[in-house]
Each structure stands twice: as structure tokens, then as C-alpha cells.
Amino acid sequence: MSRAMRRQAFFTLVLLILGLGLAYLLLVAKPGPQPQPAPELAAPRVQVVVVEPQARSIAVVTQGTVGPLQQVTLISRVAGQVEAVASSFAEGGFFQAGEELIKVEDVDYRFAIVRAESQVAAVQQRVAEERGRALQAKREWRDLGSKDANALFLRQPQLAAAEAALAAAKADLEAAQLDLKRTSISLPFNGRISTKRVDVGQYISPGAVLAEAYATEAVQLRLPLTDRQVALLDLPLTYQAQESALTEAIPVTLEARFGNRQWHWQASIVRTDASIDVDSRVLYAVAEVRDPFAREAGSERPPLAPGLFVSATIEGRDLPDVVVLPRSALRSDDSLMLVDAENRTQARAVQVLQGDAQQVWVQGLEPGDRVIVSESDLLDAGMKVTAEETSAPTGVNH
């Protein structure tokens, strides 16, 4: 082997030894990893409200349609041609109690009265004759000296039949007079015509529908209430044999849009429906408005006519230990997230009384509780947080 080849083999061996040594240092002699403490994450910052429960009344908002308190269908009791109608007998017309709305031709009924009076006079004559004959028969029987008189001989059956015929004739006369009175058709309350079915010259028969009308002294609304809303109110729940369920009127403010303007009316809850609605499972409270068509001095407010759809705000009863919070504080399971003295979170189940898009009214908190009002759904119980106090909402309920 030449000298050059030996030198090349030597360098190759040296390089191999150096590579093996370097590999040993990297794979075997390298020091192992030393445990390092995990870096502490900064506690999330949350906004909290320090609560002070207090007694509050929570208004309940619902909706309903105005309807008449009294509504009747006017039906004829007699037959004949319509002779005249009142100027108020028109759809939308107002009328007074006892005002003649329709006059039916009464000539035939006056003739019937004359015939009935004649029949009464004839039967009265018959009764007088029978009484005279009965008196004469009694005298004749006494002259015969007998104590036991025959009823037929004394004309007692004949006199009873004549008196019965007189009572029937008088009843026929009263019926004829009543029919004559019924040719003047009216209603016993102040009201308004909603539908008109007949007019002058039209022939009507007994049972014919003449009009539909409703009283104007008051209107009513049936307001649906859920179980949660019922708990907020002092409703007039009537029990059997109870004279009156309502000791104090429950105020209701009605609001509706009419003529491109918002209007308000005052009403009162007077009773509740006799049963719970089987389809919606709600209880209906009935509110009344007195004199809905009366116009206030200097006011342009329209009348509260049946058919108008309104929003109703019912004043609630006083409830203890109520807290008003932003809507963001309430979690999906009707609970709140609180911050304790160690700045750790804890869940608290509460009773939700009422809520809208901005705020909620709840019970179940203690004075001084710190309630998280921001991003509470993203937190778990037991987390460390940094609390920043903020102001609570005013709790104004429309």
C-alpha cells in the first residue's frame, strides 16, 4: 500500500471516530429536560353589580282586543211592514235607552184590540146573566124547603164556565195590547248600532233579525296572562259563595295606535274568566273601561271602539327582595354567576319574575352579593376572576 493510501485511510478512521463521539454526546450524554412551573394565566376581568334586594311592584304587559260589555241581536216579536225608523237607526248610530228605533205598521193590532175588547164585553154580559140566574135558582130552591141543593140546579158550573171565559177574554185583550206595544221596537240601554238588517217598507215576520247593537256605557277586554304573570298580580279570583272578589280596582293602562298617533286609556280589572284556556293554558283577566265614547274636554283622543287592538300594562303587587339586573347577567338555565370573597365564581339558581330585552327581575339573592353581568355564560364555577364593579339598572318597567 502506498503512503498516500495509508494517509487517506488514517483520515477516514479519524473522521469516523469523531462522528461516533459526537453522536454519543448528542444522544446519550445530553442532559435531560428540567421541570418548569407552568406560567400563570391572567384572571379574566368581569363586571359585577353589588345587589341590594328591595320590595318592588312589577308591571305586567299583555295585549287584547276591545269588545262590547253588552251586545244583543234585535229580533222582531211581531209581523208587519216597517213603517218608520229612527235617524239613529244606522250602522254606527248612537241611541238612547227606550228610544223608538223601528216602528212596525200597527193597524192590524189595533183592530185586534177592538175585537178583544168586544169579546170581553160579551163575556162580561154572560157572566152577569149567569150570576142573576144562579141567584134566582138559589131562591127557588129555598122556597122548596130543601136544605141540600143540586149544584147544576143552582147553575154553579155555568157561572164558573162564564167566569173562566171572561178571564180568557181579558188575557186575549192583554196579548193584543202587548202586540201593539211591540210594534214600537227599542232597547233598554244606551247603545250603538253595529249592523242594520231592515229598513222602511220591508216586511218582517216574528223572529226576523232587525239589527245588532251594543251598549256604550262600558267596553271590556280579555287579557291573557301566563302563570308567571299571574304570580305578579293581585287578581280578583272568585270563590264559591263569595259576594265580591274585587276589593280594590287593579289599574290598567291601555295603549293603541290610531290615526298615526299613540293614545292611552285607563281601565280596571274587574274579574277573571271562569276557566283556564285549554289550548294556550293561559288565564284571561277581564278589564273594563267606563264611558269609552265620552270625549274629554280639550282632548283629541279617539273613542275606544270595539275591535281596536291595544297593549295593556297592569300594575303589579308589591314583591319582597326583588333585584333588577341586566339581561346579560341571566344564564340559559335561569341562574346567575356570582363572585365570592376570594374572587372565585359560583353559580346561584334564582327565581325569574319578569324580563324583557334589556333587564330581568329576580328573587333569591342576598344583600351584598356580587353578580357578574358580562359574559357569564363563558365562565365556569370556581374560576378565579378580577371583578370590576358597575352600576345596576334602575329597574323602570313600562
Protein backbone atom coordinates (compact mmCIF):
# COMPACT_ATOMS: atom_id res chain seq x y z
CA MET A 1 0.00 0.00 0.00
CA SER A 2 1.36 3.31 -0.91
CA ARG A 3 1.98 6.12 1.51
CA ALA A 4 -0.86 8.25 0.09
CA MET A 5 -3.37 5.49 0.55
CA ARG A 6 -2.30 4.93 4.15
CA ARG A 7 -2.74 8.62 4.87
CA GLN A 8 -6.26 8.61 3.38
CA ALA A 9 -7.28 5.59 5.48
CA PHE A 10 -5.96 7.29 8.57
CA PHE A 11 -8.02 10.45 7.99
CA THR A 12 -11.10 8.36 7.29
CA LEU A 13 -10.69 6.48 10.61
CA VAL A 14 -10.23 9.75 12.50
CA LEU A 15 -13.36 11.24 10.98
CA LEU A 16 -15.36 8.09 11.85
CA ILE A 17 -14.18 8.21 15.47
CA LEU A 18 -15.05 11.90 15.74
CA GLY A 19 -18.56 11.26 14.26
CA LEU A 20 -19.25 8.44 16.68
CA GLY A 21 -18.14 10.58 19.60
CA LEU A 22 -20.33 13.47 18.54
CA ALA A 23 -23.31 11.14 18.15
CA TYR A 24 -22.70 9.75 21.63
CA LEU A 25 -22.60 13.25 23.08
CA LEU A 26 -25.85 14.22 21.35
CA LEU A 27 -27.84 11.07 22.12
CA VAL A 28 -26.52 9.78 25.41
CA ALA A 29 -24.58 12.42 27.22
CA LYS A 30 -27.19 15.23 26.61
CA PRO A 31 -28.66 16.43 29.95
CA GLY A 32 -32.40 15.60 30.49
CA PRO A 33 -35.14 18.30 30.50
CA GLN A 34 -35.67 20.10 33.77
CA PRO A 35 -39.34 20.60 35.01
CA GLN A 36 -40.50 24.21 34.68
CA PRO A 37 -43.52 25.71 36.50
CA ALA A 38 -46.50 26.46 34.19
CA PRO A 39 -46.98 30.15 33.53
CA GLU A 40 -49.91 31.63 35.41
CA LEU A 41 -52.67 32.98 33.14
CA ALA A 42 -54.10 36.34 33.99
CA ALA A 43 -57.53 36.09 35.70
CA PRO A 44 -60.32 37.17 33.32
CA ARG A 45 -61.80 40.57 34.06
CA VAL A 46 -65.56 40.64 34.65
CA GLN A 47 -68.06 43.35 35.50
CA VAL A 48 -70.09 42.81 38.65
CA VAL A 49 -73.04 44.53 40.31
CA VAL A 50 -73.37 44.63 44.10
CA VAL A 51 -77.08 43.96 44.70
CA GLU A 52 -79.43 45.30 47.36
CA PRO A 53 -82.78 43.43 47.20
CA GLN A 54 -85.84 45.55 47.92
CA ALA A 55 -89.63 45.48 47.65
CA ARG A 56 -90.85 46.27 44.13
CA SER A 57 -94.03 46.12 42.09
CA ILE A 58 -93.55 44.72 38.59
CA ALA A 59 -95.95 45.74 35.85
CA VAL A 60 -97.29 43.06 33.52
CA VAL A 61 -97.60 43.82 29.82
CA THR A 62 -100.14 41.94 27.72
CA GLN A 63 -102.45 42.57 24.76
CA GLY A 64 -106.10 42.26 23.89
CA THR A 65 -108.94 43.37 21.62
CA VAL A 66 -111.64 45.75 22.80
CA GLY A 67 -115.11 44.22 22.85
CA PRO A 68 -118.59 45.33 23.97
CA LEU A 69 -119.69 44.60 27.52
CA GLN A 70 -123.31 44.09 26.34
CA GLN A 71 -124.14 43.02 22.81
CA VAL A 72 -127.58 41.97 21.59
CA THR A 73 -129.31 40.87 18.42
CA LEU A 74 -132.53 42.82 17.91
CA ILE A 75 -135.34 40.45 16.86
CA SER A 76 -138.93 41.24 15.96
CA ARG A 77 -141.75 39.78 18.10
CA VAL A 78 -144.49 40.77 15.62
CA ALA A 79 -145.17 40.68 11.89
CA GLY A 80 -145.81 43.64 9.62
CA GLN A 81 -144.33 46.26 7.36
CA VAL A 82 -141.66 48.62 8.71
CA GLU A 83 -143.41 51.98 8.81
CA ALA A 84 -140.55 54.17 10.05
CA VAL A 85 -137.04 54.01 11.51
CA ALA A 86 -135.22 56.49 13.73
CA SER A 87 -132.43 58.64 12.33
CA SER A 88 -130.09 56.90 14.78
CA PHE A 89 -131.04 53.50 13.33
CA ALA A 90 -127.97 53.28 11.10
CA GLU A 91 -124.69 51.42 11.31
CA GLY A 92 -122.59 53.41 13.76
CA GLY A 93 -125.56 55.40 15.04
CA PHE A 94 -125.94 56.11 18.77
CA PHE A 95 -129.32 55.71 20.50
CA GLN A 96 -130.77 56.29 23.97
CA ALA A 97 -132.45 53.77 26.25
CA GLY A 98 -136.14 53.45 25.37
CA GLU A 99 -135.80 55.39 22.11
CA GLU A 100 -138.05 54.05 19.34
CA LEU A 101 -135.73 52.61 16.71
CA ILE A 102 -138.24 50.84 14.44
CA LYS A 103 -141.99 51.36 14.04
CA VAL A 104 -144.00 48.49 12.57
CA GLU A 105 -147.38 49.20 10.97
CA ASP A 106 -149.93 48.66 13.78
CA VAL A 107 -153.33 48.88 12.10
CA ASP A 108 -153.97 45.13 12.33
CA TYR A 109 -153.03 45.13 16.01
CA ARG A 110 -155.40 47.98 16.79
CA PHE A 111 -158.18 46.03 15.08
CA ALA A 112 -157.25 43.01 17.21
CA ILE A 113 -157.61 45.13 20.36
CA VAL A 114 -161.07 46.28 19.32
CA ARG A 115 -162.14 42.68 18.70
CA ALA A 116 -160.68 41.59 22.03
CA GLU A 117 -162.48 44.41 23.86
CA SER A 118 -165.75 43.34 22.20
CA GLN A 119 -165.20 39.76 23.30
CA VAL A 120 -164.53 40.89 26.87
CA ALA A 121 -167.77 42.91 26.92
CA ALA A 122 -169.76 39.97 25.56
CA VAL A 123 -168.36 37.57 28.14
CA GLN A 124 -168.92 40.10 30.94
CA GLN A 125 -172.60 40.20 29.93
CA ARG A 126 -172.70 36.41 30.02
CA VAL A 127 -171.18 36.34 33.50
CA ALA A 128 -173.72 38.88 34.74
CA GLU A 129 -176.57 36.81 33.33
CA GLU A 130 -175.26 33.61 34.91
CA ARG A 131 -174.89 35.31 38.28
CA GLY A 132 -178.52 36.50 38.06
CA ARG A 133 -179.76 33.05 37.09
CA ALA A 134 -177.75 31.45 39.89
CA LEU A 135 -179.29 33.85 42.43
CA GLN A 136 -182.78 33.14 41.10
CA ALA A 137 -182.20 29.38 41.27
CA LYS A 138 -180.99 29.68 44.87
CA ARG A 139 -184.19 31.49 45.85
CA GLU A 140 -186.37 28.91 44.11
CA TRP A 141 -184.58 26.06 45.86
CA ARG A 142 -185.02 27.78 49.24
CA ASP A 143 -188.76 28.13 48.59
CA LEU A 144 -188.96 24.38 48.08
CA GLY A 145 -187.84 23.91 51.70
CA SER A 146 -184.95 21.56 50.91
CA LYS A 147 -181.57 22.02 52.59
CA ASP A 148 -179.43 20.03 50.05
CA ALA A 149 -179.32 21.94 46.78
CA ASN A 150 -178.19 20.46 43.45
CA ALA A 151 -175.10 22.32 42.04
CA LEU A 152 -176.38 22.04 38.49
CA PHE A 153 -179.79 23.39 39.52
CA LEU A 154 -178.06 26.35 41.23
CA ARG A 155 -176.11 26.98 37.96
CA GLN A 156 -172.71 26.88 39.66
CA PRO A 157 -170.91 25.09 36.76
CA GLN A 158 -172.42 27.52 34.27
CA LEU A 159 -171.26 30.51 36.31
CA ALA A 160 -167.72 29.07 36.67
CA ALA A 161 -167.50 28.50 32.92
CA ALA A 162 -168.61 32.08 32.22
CA GLU A 163 -166.04 33.50 34.65
CA ALA A 164 -163.30 31.36 33.05
CA ALA A 165 -164.34 32.61 29.62
CA LEU A 166 -164.08 36.19 30.96
CA ALA A 167 -160.52 35.59 32.24
CA ALA A 168 -159.55 34.16 28.84
CA ALA A 169 -161.07 37.12 27.01
CA LYS A 170 -159.17 39.56 29.25
CA ALA A 171 -155.93 37.61 28.59
CA ASP A 172 -156.58 37.87 24.84
CA LEU A 173 -157.05 41.62 25.24
CA GLU A 174 -153.78 41.96 27.16
CA ALA A 175 -151.99 39.90 24.48
CA ALA A 176 -153.38 42.17 21.76
CA GLN A 177 -152.28 45.26 23.69
CA LEU A 178 -148.82 43.72 24.17
CA ASP A 179 -148.54 43.00 20.44
CA LEU A 180 -149.45 46.62 19.73
CA LYS A 181 -146.77 47.77 22.13
CA ARG A 182 -144.26 45.52 20.39
CA THR A 183 -144.77 47.34 17.10
CA SER A 184 -142.58 50.06 18.63
CA ILE A 185 -139.14 48.47 18.91
CA SER A 186 -136.48 49.86 21.28
CA LEU A 187 -133.66 48.72 23.61
CA PRO A 188 -133.37 49.27 27.38
CA PHE A 189 -129.83 50.75 27.32
CA ASN A 190 -127.81 53.49 25.69
CA GLY A 191 -126.02 51.95 22.76
CA ARG A 192 -124.80 51.93 19.20
CA ILE A 193 -125.96 50.08 16.10
CA SER A 194 -123.25 47.81 14.73
CA THR A 195 -125.25 46.08 11.97
CA LYS A 196 -128.54 47.13 10.33
CA ARG A 197 -130.70 44.46 8.68
CA VAL A 198 -134.05 46.15 7.78
CA ASP A 199 -135.33 49.47 6.51
CA VAL A 200 -138.56 51.34 5.79
CA GLY A 201 -141.05 49.43 3.64
CA GLN A 202 -139.63 46.00 4.36
CA TYR A 203 -141.99 43.30 5.64
CA ILE A 204 -140.80 41.46 8.70
CA SER A 205 -142.08 38.36 10.46
CA PRO A 206 -141.76 37.18 14.07
CA GLY A 207 -138.18 36.05 14.73
CA ALA A 208 -136.68 38.22 11.99
CA VAL A 209 -133.28 39.74 12.85
CA LEU A 210 -133.54 43.53 12.66
CA ALA A 211 -130.14 44.73 13.85
CA GLU A 212 -127.16 44.06 16.10
CA ALA A 213 -126.28 46.60 18.77
CA TYR A 214 -124.07 47.01 21.81
CA ALA A 215 -124.17 49.14 24.96
CA THR A 216 -121.91 52.18 25.10
CA GLU A 217 -121.72 52.60 28.88
CA ALA A 218 -118.66 50.34 29.04
CA VAL A 219 -116.38 48.11 26.96
CA GLN A 220 -114.25 45.18 28.07
CA LEU A 221 -111.01 43.42 27.17
CA ARG A 222 -109.97 39.82 27.80
CA LEU A 223 -106.26 39.95 28.64
CA PRO A 224 -104.26 36.68 28.51
CA LEU A 225 -101.91 36.06 31.46
CA THR A 226 -99.30 33.34 31.82
CA ASP A 227 -98.68 31.54 35.10
CA ARG A 228 -95.59 33.69 35.75
CA GLN A 229 -97.58 36.89 35.13
CA VAL A 230 -100.42 35.77 37.43
CA ALA A 231 -97.89 35.47 40.27
CA LEU A 232 -97.11 39.18 39.93
CA LEU A 233 -100.71 40.40 40.29
CA ASP A 234 -103.47 40.58 42.90
CA LEU A 235 -106.19 39.19 40.65
CA PRO A 236 -109.87 39.02 41.70
CA LEU A 237 -110.05 35.22 41.93
CA THR A 238 -113.67 34.43 42.81
CA TYR A 239 -114.60 31.57 45.12
CA GLN A 240 -117.98 29.90 45.50
CA ALA A 241 -120.44 31.80 47.74
CA GLN A 242 -118.12 34.82 47.75
CA GLU A 243 -120.06 38.03 47.28
CA SER A 244 -117.31 40.03 45.63
CA ALA A 245 -113.79 39.08 44.61
CA LEU A 246 -112.58 42.59 43.89
CA THR A 247 -111.89 44.72 46.95
CA GLU A 248 -109.76 47.31 45.18
CA ALA A 249 -109.59 48.11 41.47
CA ILE A 250 -106.42 46.98 39.69
CA PRO A 251 -105.34 49.81 37.39
CA VAL A 252 -104.61 49.04 33.76
CA THR A 253 -103.15 51.44 31.20
CA LEU A 254 -104.19 50.77 27.61
CA GLU A 255 -102.18 51.95 24.64
CA ALA A 256 -103.00 51.80 20.94
CA ARG A 257 -102.02 53.46 17.71
CA PHE A 258 -104.82 55.21 15.84
CA GLY A 259 -104.57 57.88 13.16
CA ASN A 260 -100.76 57.57 13.16
CA ARG A 261 -100.61 58.59 16.84
CA GLN A 262 -100.27 56.77 20.16
CA TRP A 263 -103.19 57.08 22.61
CA HIS A 264 -103.75 55.99 26.21
CA TRP A 265 -106.85 55.00 28.19
CA GLN A 266 -107.36 53.93 31.81
CA ALA A 267 -109.13 50.68 32.67
CA SER A 268 -109.61 48.37 35.67
CA ILE A 269 -109.51 44.59 36.16
CA VAL A 270 -112.97 43.52 37.35
CA ARG A 271 -112.89 39.71 37.18
CA THR A 272 -111.22 36.66 35.68
CA ASP A 273 -112.63 34.06 33.30
CA ALA A 274 -114.39 31.05 34.75
CA SER A 275 -111.82 28.62 33.35
CA ILE A 276 -108.27 28.39 32.02
CA ASP A 277 -107.95 28.27 28.24
CA VAL A 278 -107.42 24.62 27.27
CA ASP A 279 -105.39 25.45 24.14
CA SER A 280 -102.99 28.14 25.33
CA ARG A 281 -103.10 27.31 29.09
CA VAL A 282 -103.44 30.99 29.98
CA LEU A 283 -105.85 32.71 32.34
CA TYR A 284 -107.88 35.62 30.99
CA ALA A 285 -108.41 38.70 33.14
CA VAL A 286 -111.29 40.97 32.14
CA ALA A 287 -110.73 44.72 32.17
CA GLU A 288 -113.48 47.32 31.79
CA VAL A 289 -113.41 50.90 30.55
CA ARG A 290 -116.33 53.12 31.56
CA ASP A 291 -117.75 55.69 29.11
CA PRO A 292 -115.42 54.71 26.26
CA PHE A 293 -117.17 57.08 23.82
CA ALA A 294 -117.15 60.13 26.10
CA ARG A 295 -114.93 62.94 24.87
CA GLU A 296 -112.68 64.68 27.37
CA ALA A 297 -112.65 68.45 27.29
CA GLY A 298 -109.82 69.72 25.11
CA SER A 299 -108.73 66.22 24.10
CA GLU A 300 -108.49 64.81 20.58
CA ARG A 301 -108.30 61.23 21.81
CA PRO A 302 -110.49 58.91 19.72
CA PRO A 303 -113.19 56.71 21.31
CA LEU A 304 -112.20 53.25 22.47
CA ALA A 305 -114.31 51.39 19.93
CA PRO A 306 -114.82 47.59 19.87
CA GLY A 307 -112.35 45.85 17.60
CA LEU A 308 -109.38 48.05 18.49
CA PHE A 309 -106.24 46.07 19.35
CA VAL A 310 -104.44 47.52 22.37
CA SER A 311 -101.43 46.89 24.59
CA ALA A 312 -102.27 46.68 28.31
CA THR A 313 -99.92 47.40 31.21
CA ILE A 314 -101.28 46.04 34.51
CA GLU A 315 -99.93 47.36 37.80
CA GLY A 316 -98.38 44.53 39.84
CA ARG A 317 -98.43 43.86 43.55
CA ASP A 318 -95.51 44.58 45.90
CA LEU A 319 -92.99 41.72 46.00
CA PRO A 320 -90.19 41.37 48.59
CA ASP A 321 -86.44 41.05 47.93
CA VAL A 322 -86.51 41.83 44.21
CA VAL A 323 -83.32 42.62 42.28
CA VAL A 324 -83.15 44.18 38.82
CA LEU A 325 -80.22 43.08 36.65
CA PRO A 326 -79.14 43.48 33.03
CA ARG A 327 -80.39 40.75 30.74
CA SER A 328 -76.78 39.66 30.11
CA ALA A 329 -76.46 38.51 33.74
CA LEU A 330 -79.03 35.71 33.34
CA ARG A 331 -77.67 32.39 32.12
CA SER A 332 -79.56 30.00 29.86
CA ASP A 333 -80.55 27.78 32.84
CA ASP A 334 -82.11 30.71 34.78
CA SER A 335 -79.10 31.02 37.08
CA LEU A 336 -76.57 33.76 37.85
CA MET A 337 -72.80 33.67 38.28
CA LEU A 338 -71.56 35.35 41.47
CA VAL A 339 -68.08 36.32 42.70
CA ASP A 340 -67.27 35.29 46.28
CA ALA A 341 -64.90 36.88 48.79
CA GLU A 342 -61.92 35.02 47.25
CA ASN A 343 -62.75 36.35 43.79
CA ARG A 344 -63.89 32.96 42.58
CA THR A 345 -67.07 32.33 40.63
CA GLN A 346 -70.05 30.38 41.93
CA ALA A 347 -73.44 29.64 40.32
CA ARG A 348 -76.67 30.66 42.05
CA ALA A 349 -80.16 29.50 40.98
CA VAL A 350 -82.73 32.31 41.16
CA GLN A 351 -86.45 32.78 40.54
CA VAL A 352 -87.06 34.85 37.43
CA LEU A 353 -90.13 37.05 37.96
CA GLN A 354 -90.16 39.08 34.76
CA GLY A 355 -87.86 40.01 31.93
CA ASP A 356 -87.53 41.92 28.70
CA ALA A 357 -84.79 42.52 26.13
CA GLN A 358 -82.82 44.83 28.45
CA GLN A 359 -83.27 43.61 32.03
CA VAL A 360 -84.66 40.93 34.33
CA TRP A 361 -86.33 40.92 37.76
CA VAL A 362 -85.25 38.08 40.05
CA GLN A 363 -85.55 36.81 43.61
CA GLY A 364 -83.09 34.64 45.54
CA LEU A 365 -80.14 36.98 46.16
CA GLU A 366 -78.72 38.34 49.41
CA PRO A 367 -77.64 41.94 50.15
CA GLY A 368 -74.07 42.49 49.07
CA ASP A 369 -73.94 39.62 46.56
CA ARG A 370 -71.66 40.42 43.62
CA VAL A 371 -73.34 39.31 40.41
CA ILE A 372 -71.43 39.03 37.14
CA VAL A 373 -73.25 40.97 34.43
CA SER A 374 -70.87 40.36 31.50
CA GLU A 375 -70.16 37.12 29.64
CA SER A 376 -71.49 34.94 32.45
CA ASP A 377 -72.22 32.05 30.05
CA LEU A 378 -68.49 31.74 29.27
CA LEU A 379 -67.47 31.16 32.89
CA ASP A 380 -67.36 28.00 34.98
CA ALA A 381 -67.91 27.78 38.72
CA GLY A 382 -64.68 28.01 40.73
CA MET A 383 -62.75 30.18 38.26
CA LYS A 384 -60.52 32.96 39.54
CA VAL A 385 -61.60 36.34 38.17
CA THR A 386 -60.82 40.01 38.50
CA ALA A 387 -64.04 41.86 39.40
CA GLU A 388 -64.83 45.41 38.32
CA GLU A 389 -67.92 46.96 39.89
CA THR A 390 -70.50 48.71 37.71
CA SER A 391 -73.86 50.35 38.39
CA ALA A 392 -77.11 48.39 38.45
CA PRO A 393 -80.05 49.25 36.14
CA THR A 394 -82.83 51.44 37.51
CA GLY A 395 -85.48 48.80 37.00
CA VAL A 396 -88.03 51.03 35.33
CA ASN A 397 -90.76 48.80 33.93
CA HIS A 398 -93.10 50.27 31.37
